[in-house]
């Protein structure tokens, strides 16, 4: 691969490619074409992550929890005879699910081996307003911090012998976990806002 070809695979170019691909994927109306494209990119992503298939599968299943909610809400409607299947809603849920999976798989593909640090460096090279760059960098930074906090909470729950089950206690524990994450996110946002104002940042 030549130096010029390598330059077009730099992280900031890959961010642009992922953004453009996401716009194109959002405009595709054919479910069949979306399915074929998603399957091709999924195969490519699986090949790149062949050394850790369980981790990849776990990430994909977590992401598709939202798809379950989409299908649960769009597949039904209240008609003259009560609750009945919504064929239009099912078709829409299919499109939304395929587009979501296509976009997230393409992001995993384009940003393969791109760490938080590399991502921040890539954002600074994009032709964006300075304030927008700062906001993107802060977003990446605090998402990483909240991810670390979530992992610590997960380890703490496992160390205390917590086993998730289909009962009220599990729902209560996970509700407290989500509430704690939201509180930490709010505190981090307030601290970031104060730090930005102290440095003269104005929207």
Protein backbone atom coordinates (compact mmCIF):
# COMPACT_ATOMS: atom_id res chain seq x y z
CA UNK A 1 0.00 0.00 0.00
CA UNK A 2 1.43 3.36 -1.03
CA UNK A 3 1.88 6.35 1.26
CA UNK A 4 -1.01 8.20 -0.44
CA UNK A 5 -3.36 5.25 0.06
CA UNK A 6 -2.31 4.95 3.70
CA UNK A 7 -3.01 8.66 4.24
CA UNK A 8 -6.64 8.18 3.20
CA UNK A 9 -7.00 5.50 5.90
CA UNK A 10 -6.01 7.89 8.70
CA UNK A 11 -8.52 8.10 11.61
CA UNK A 12 -9.95 11.54 10.71
CA UNK A 13 -10.68 10.36 7.15
CA UNK A 14 -12.30 7.22 8.52
CA UNK A 15 -14.56 9.38 10.70
CA UNK A 16 -15.71 11.21 7.58
CA UNK A 17 -16.30 7.91 5.76
CA UNK A 18 -18.38 6.59 8.69
CA UNK A 19 -20.45 9.80 8.74
CA UNK A 20 -21.13 9.71 4.98
CA UNK A 21 -21.94 5.99 5.06
CA UNK A 22 -24.37 6.58 7.93
CA UNK A 23 -26.24 9.22 5.89
CA UNK A 24 -26.40 6.90 2.87
CA UNK A 25 -27.57 3.93 5.00
CA UNK A 26 -30.32 6.06 6.57
CA UNK A 27 -31.75 6.84 3.13
CA UNK A 28 -31.96 3.23 1.86
CA UNK A 29 -35.58 2.08 1.59
CA UNK A 30 -35.10 -1.52 0.39
CA UNK A 31 -35.10 -4.02 3.26
CA UNK A 32 -33.55 -6.71 1.02
CA UNK A 33 -30.64 -4.48 0.00
CA UNK A 34 -30.15 -3.41 3.64
CA UNK A 35 -30.08 -7.06 4.74
CA UNK A 36 -27.47 -8.02 2.10
CA UNK A 37 -25.30 -4.99 2.92
CA UNK A 38 -25.58 -5.61 6.66
CA UNK A 39 -24.64 -9.28 6.24
CA UNK A 40 -21.56 -8.36 4.15
CA UNK A 41 -20.32 -5.78 6.66
CA UNK A 42 -21.12 -8.12 9.58
CA UNK A 43 -18.98 -10.84 7.97
CA UNK A 44 -16.13 -8.34 7.52
CA UNK A 45 -16.41 -7.16 11.15
CA UNK A 46 -16.47 -10.78 12.38
CA UNK A 47 -13.31 -11.47 10.38
CA UNK A 48 -11.54 -8.47 11.96
CA UNK A 49 -12.68 -9.52 15.46
CA UNK A 50 -12.19 -13.27 14.98
CA UNK A 51 -9.87 -13.36 18.01
CA UNK A 52 -12.68 -12.22 20.37
CA UNK A 53 -16.04 -13.47 19.01
CA UNK A 54 -17.73 -13.63 22.44
CA UNK A 55 -16.96 -9.97 23.17
CA UNK A 56 -18.27 -8.93 19.75
CA UNK A 57 -21.46 -10.99 20.16
CA UNK A 58 -22.06 -9.51 23.62
CA UNK A 59 -21.71 -5.95 22.29
CA UNK A 60 -24.06 -6.71 19.40
CA UNK A 61 -26.72 -8.24 21.68
CA UNK A 62 -26.58 -5.28 24.06
CA UNK A 63 -27.04 -2.90 21.16
CA UNK A 64 -30.01 -4.84 19.81
CA UNK A 65 -31.92 -4.61 23.09
CA UNK A 66 -33.27 -1.35 21.69
CA UNK A 67 -34.45 -3.24 18.60
CA UNK A 68 -36.64 -5.42 20.83
CA UNK A 69 -38.36 -2.27 22.14
CA UNK A 70 -38.85 -1.01 18.58
CA UNK A 71 -40.51 -4.28 17.52
CA UNK A 72 -42.62 -4.41 20.70
CA UNK A 73 -44.03 -0.92 20.13
CA UNK A 74 -44.42 -0.83 16.34
CA UNK A 75 -45.75 -4.35 15.68
CA UNK A 76 -49.15 -3.72 17.25
CA UNK A 77 -51.97 -1.23 16.87
CA UNK A 78 -55.41 -0.66 18.33
CA UNK A 79 -58.00 -1.31 15.64
CA UNK A 80 -61.77 -1.72 15.51
CA UNK A 81 -61.48 -5.26 16.88
CA UNK A 82 -58.99 -4.38 19.61
CA UNK A 83 -55.25 -4.99 19.55
CA UNK A 84 -54.08 -6.33 16.18
CA UNK A 85 -50.91 -6.72 14.12
CA UNK A 86 -49.66 -3.57 12.40
CA UNK A 87 -48.18 -4.61 9.04
CA UNK A 88 -46.94 -1.08 8.30
CA UNK A 89 -45.34 -0.92 11.75
CA UNK A 90 -43.64 -4.29 11.25
CA UNK A 91 -42.17 -3.11 7.93
CA UNK A 92 -40.99 0.10 9.61
CA UNK A 93 -39.48 -1.83 12.54
CA UNK A 94 -37.63 -4.05 10.06
CA UNK A 95 -36.17 -1.01 8.27
CA UNK A 96 -35.18 0.69 11.52
CA UNK A 97 -33.51 -2.48 12.86
CA UNK A 98 -31.57 -3.11 9.65
CA UNK A 99 -30.45 0.52 9.38
CA UNK A 100 -29.37 0.61 13.03
CA UNK A 101 -27.34 -2.58 12.66
CA UNK A 102 -25.83 -1.45 9.35
CA UNK A 103 -24.72 1.89 10.80
CA UNK A 104 -23.28 0.48 14.03
CA UNK A 105 -21.45 -2.32 12.18
CA UNK A 106 -20.03 0.21 9.70
CA UNK A 107 -18.80 2.36 12.61
CA UNK A 108 -17.11 -0.69 14.14
CA UNK A 109 -15.54 -1.37 10.75
CA UNK A 110 -14.37 2.16 9.93
CA UNK A 111 -13.11 2.84 13.47
CA UNK A 112 -11.42 -0.53 13.97
CA UNK A 113 -8.40 -0.14 16.31
CA UNK A 114 -9.29 3.53 16.96
CA UNK A 115 -8.94 4.18 20.71
CA UNK A 116 -10.36 7.13 22.66
CA UNK A 117 -7.05 8.99 22.40
CA UNK A 118 -6.78 8.43 18.63
CA UNK A 119 -10.43 9.46 18.22
CA UNK A 120 -9.82 12.76 20.03
CA UNK A 121 -6.76 13.42 17.86
CA UNK A 122 -8.82 12.64 14.73
CA UNK A 123 -11.57 15.07 15.76
CA UNK A 124 -9.04 17.90 16.11
CA UNK A 125 -7.99 17.37 12.47
CA UNK A 126 -11.51 17.75 11.09
CA UNK A 127 -12.49 21.08 9.45
CA UNK A 128 -14.99 21.97 12.18
CA UNK A 129 -15.52 25.10 14.32
CA UNK A 130 -13.23 25.18 17.35
CA UNK A 131 -16.09 25.16 19.86
CA UNK A 132 -17.70 22.15 18.19
CA UNK A 133 -14.38 20.29 18.37
CA UNK A 134 -14.19 21.04 22.10
CA UNK A 135 -17.71 19.69 22.62
CA UNK A 136 -16.91 16.50 20.69
CA UNK A 137 -13.71 15.98 22.69
CA UNK A 138 -15.56 16.47 25.99
CA UNK A 139 -18.25 14.02 24.84
CA UNK A 140 -15.69 11.32 24.03
CA UNK A 141 -13.86 11.97 27.28
CA UNK A 142 -16.91 11.73 29.54
CA UNK A 143 -18.39 8.73 27.73
CA UNK A 144 -15.09 6.94 28.44
CA UNK A 145 -15.26 7.98 32.12
CA UNK A 146 -18.85 6.76 32.47
CA UNK A 147 -17.93 3.50 30.74
CA UNK A 148 -15.14 2.97 33.30
CA UNK A 149 -17.59 3.70 36.13
CA UNK A 150 -20.09 1.22 34.67
CA UNK A 151 -17.40 -1.47 34.52
CA UNK A 152 -16.41 -0.78 38.15
CA UNK A 153 -20.04 -1.10 39.23
CA UNK A 154 -20.33 -4.36 37.30
CA UNK A 155 -17.23 -5.78 39.02
CA UNK A 156 -18.50 -4.63 42.43
CA UNK A 157 -21.87 -6.33 41.86
CA UNK A 158 -20.18 -9.58 40.81
CA UNK A 159 -17.83 -9.41 43.83
CA UNK A 160 -20.90 -9.22 46.09
CA UNK A 161 -22.34 -12.32 44.46
CA UNK A 162 -25.11 -10.60 42.50
CA UNK A 163 -26.79 -12.90 39.98
CA UNK A 164 -29.34 -11.25 37.66
CA UNK A 165 -32.70 -13.02 37.62
CA UNK A 166 -36.19 -12.27 36.40
CA UNK A 167 -37.50 -10.79 39.66
CA UNK A 168 -38.21 -7.47 41.38
CA UNK A 169 -34.88 -7.46 43.23
CA UNK A 170 -32.91 -7.55 39.95
CA UNK A 171 -35.04 -4.73 38.52
CA UNK A 172 -34.44 -2.70 41.69
CA UNK A 173 -30.67 -3.22 41.55
CA UNK A 174 -30.42 -2.28 37.86
CA UNK A 175 -32.66 0.75 38.43
CA UNK A 176 -30.29 1.94 41.17
CA UNK A 177 -27.33 1.32 38.88
CA UNK A 178 -28.85 3.38 36.05
CA UNK A 179 -29.83 6.15 38.50
CA UNK A 180 -26.28 6.27 39.87
CA UNK A 181 -24.84 6.50 36.35
CA UNK A 182 -27.22 9.35 35.49
CA UNK A 183 -26.29 11.21 38.69
CA UNK A 184 -22.58 10.85 37.92
CA UNK A 185 -23.22 12.00 34.34
CA UNK A 186 -25.04 15.09 35.62
CA UNK A 187 -22.23 15.90 38.08
CA UNK A 188 -19.60 15.46 35.36
CA UNK A 189 -21.58 17.72 33.03
CA UNK A 190 -21.86 20.43 35.70
CA UNK A 191 -18.12 20.27 36.42
CA UNK A 192 -17.33 20.41 32.70
CA UNK A 193 -19.62 23.43 32.28
CA UNK A 194 -17.95 25.27 35.18
CA UNK A 195 -14.47 24.47 33.81
CA UNK A 196 -15.44 25.70 30.34
CA UNK A 197 -16.91 28.94 31.71
CA UNK A 198 -13.80 29.49 33.82
CA UNK A 199 -11.76 29.29 30.61
CA UNK A 200 -13.97 31.84 28.88
CA UNK A 201 -15.90 29.37 26.72
CA UNK A 202 -19.11 30.88 25.35
CA UNK A 203 -21.63 29.19 23.04
